[in-house]
Amino acid sequence: VIDYGVVAPSIIVTGTEETKAHLTWNDTLTESGLSGYYLVEFSTVEDFSIVYKRAEWDATPYTRTGLAAGTTYYVRIKAFAEINGEIQTSEWSDVVTLTTK
């Protein structure tokens, strides 16, 4: 496996509502001169053995709708980029915790 240096982004929770969470992250793909997308995962369990919501997203900021009110979620993100015809991924970001209102 060749390490092309796809860097994991860092998530910032910019706000929560009853059924929504607003996130942003540093766009490590653009910063590295790469194009691709991000996979964002929400779970109600710390080990992500159950993923509640998953989305592919190509830009920041991001708003996740359809969440349950008054619930704690764990969130992580991974970057995907195509380099020399192969899909390369970053490690998962550090997990952030948020609670909807």
Protein backbone atom coordinates (compact mmCIF):
# COMPACT_ATOMS: atom_id res chain seq x y z
CA VAL A 1 0.00 0.00 0.00
CA ILE A 2 1.36 3.38 -0.99
CA ASP A 3 0.68 6.27 1.38
CA TYR A 4 -0.27 9.29 -0.69
CA GLY A 5 -0.90 11.44 2.34
CA VAL A 6 -4.69 11.75 2.34
CA VAL A 7 -5.12 13.57 5.63
CA ALA A 8 -8.01 13.10 8.03
CA PRO A 9 -10.00 16.28 8.61
CA SER A 10 -10.85 17.74 12.02
CA ILE A 11 -14.56 18.21 12.78
CA ILE A 12 -16.02 21.29 14.43
CA VAL A 13 -19.63 21.24 15.64
CA THR A 14 -20.99 24.69 14.79
CA GLY A 15 -24.46 24.16 16.27
CA THR A 16 -27.27 21.78 17.10
CA GLU A 17 -31.04 22.00 16.90
CA GLU A 18 -33.80 19.60 17.88
CA THR A 19 -33.29 17.27 14.90
CA LYS A 20 -30.22 18.78 13.18
CA ALA A 21 -26.49 19.08 13.64
CA HIS A 22 -24.31 21.63 11.87
CA LEU A 23 -20.69 20.68 11.20
CA THR A 24 -17.66 22.01 9.45
CA TRP A 25 -14.18 20.61 8.99
CA ASN A 26 -10.87 21.59 7.48
CA ASP A 27 -10.97 20.67 3.79
CA THR A 28 -7.88 18.49 3.75
CA LEU A 29 -8.49 17.38 0.18
CA THR A 30 -8.42 20.91 -1.26
CA GLU A 31 -5.54 21.82 1.07
CA SER A 32 -3.60 18.87 -0.42
CA GLY A 33 -4.54 19.69 -4.01
CA LEU A 34 -6.76 16.61 -4.27
CA SER A 35 -10.37 16.12 -5.27
CA GLY A 36 -12.70 13.62 -3.70
CA TYR A 37 -15.34 13.40 -1.02
CA TYR A 38 -15.86 12.89 2.69
CA LEU A 39 -17.74 10.14 4.48
CA VAL A 40 -19.47 11.44 7.61
CA GLU A 41 -20.81 8.94 10.16
CA PHE A 42 -23.14 9.52 13.12
CA SER A 43 -23.57 6.86 15.79
CA THR A 44 -25.30 6.64 19.14
CA VAL A 45 -22.59 4.26 20.40
CA GLU A 46 -18.95 5.26 20.88
CA ASP A 47 -17.47 2.30 19.02
CA PHE A 48 -19.59 2.93 15.87
CA SER A 49 -20.80 -0.70 15.92
CA ILE A 50 -24.16 0.81 14.94
CA VAL A 51 -24.04 3.67 12.45
CA TYR A 52 -27.16 5.80 12.75
CA LYS A 53 -26.58 8.08 9.76
CA ARG A 54 -23.95 8.01 7.01
CA ALA A 55 -23.45 10.48 4.18
CA GLU A 56 -20.98 11.21 1.41
CA TRP A 57 -20.35 14.92 1.16
CA ASP A 58 -17.97 16.91 -1.00
CA ALA A 59 -17.96 20.27 0.76
CA THR A 60 -18.08 21.97 4.10
CA PRO A 61 -20.22 23.10 5.93
CA TYR A 62 -22.58 20.17 6.39
CA THR A 63 -26.00 19.91 8.06
CA ARG A 64 -27.33 16.51 9.13
CA THR A 65 -31.10 16.40 9.43
CA GLY A 66 -33.38 13.66 10.72
CA LEU A 67 -31.67 13.21 14.07
CA ALA A 68 -33.57 12.41 17.26
CA ALA A 69 -34.12 15.26 19.73
CA GLY A 70 -32.21 15.16 23.01
CA THR A 71 -29.85 12.45 21.81
CA THR A 72 -26.06 12.22 22.08
CA TYR A 73 -24.24 11.35 18.86
CA TYR A 74 -20.65 10.47 18.11
CA VAL A 75 -19.40 11.81 14.79
CA ARG A 76 -16.38 10.98 12.67
CA ILE A 77 -15.25 11.72 9.12
CA LYS A 78 -12.91 10.17 6.57
CA ALA A 79 -11.54 11.65 3.32
CA PHE A 80 -11.53 9.75 0.01
CA ALA A 81 -9.48 10.80 -3.02
CA GLU A 82 -8.69 9.19 -6.35
CA ILE A 83 -4.95 9.23 -6.96
CA ASN A 84 -3.37 7.59 -10.00
CA GLY A 85 -6.60 5.70 -10.66
CA GLU A 86 -6.84 4.28 -7.15
CA ILE A 87 -9.12 5.33 -4.29
CA GLN A 88 -7.05 6.37 -1.28
CA THR A 89 -8.50 7.15 2.14
CA SER A 90 -7.45 8.98 5.24
CA GLU A 91 -7.70 7.54 8.70
CA TRP A 92 -10.90 8.33 10.58
CA SER A 93 -10.89 11.74 12.22
CA ASP A 94 -10.95 12.12 15.96
CA VAL A 95 -14.49 11.51 17.20
CA VAL A 96 -16.55 14.48 18.36
CA THR A 97 -19.61 14.26 20.58
CA LEU A 98 -22.73 16.36 20.19
CA THR A 99 -26.20 16.37 21.75
CA THR A 100 -29.28 17.57 19.91
CA LYS A 101 -31.63 19.92 21.78
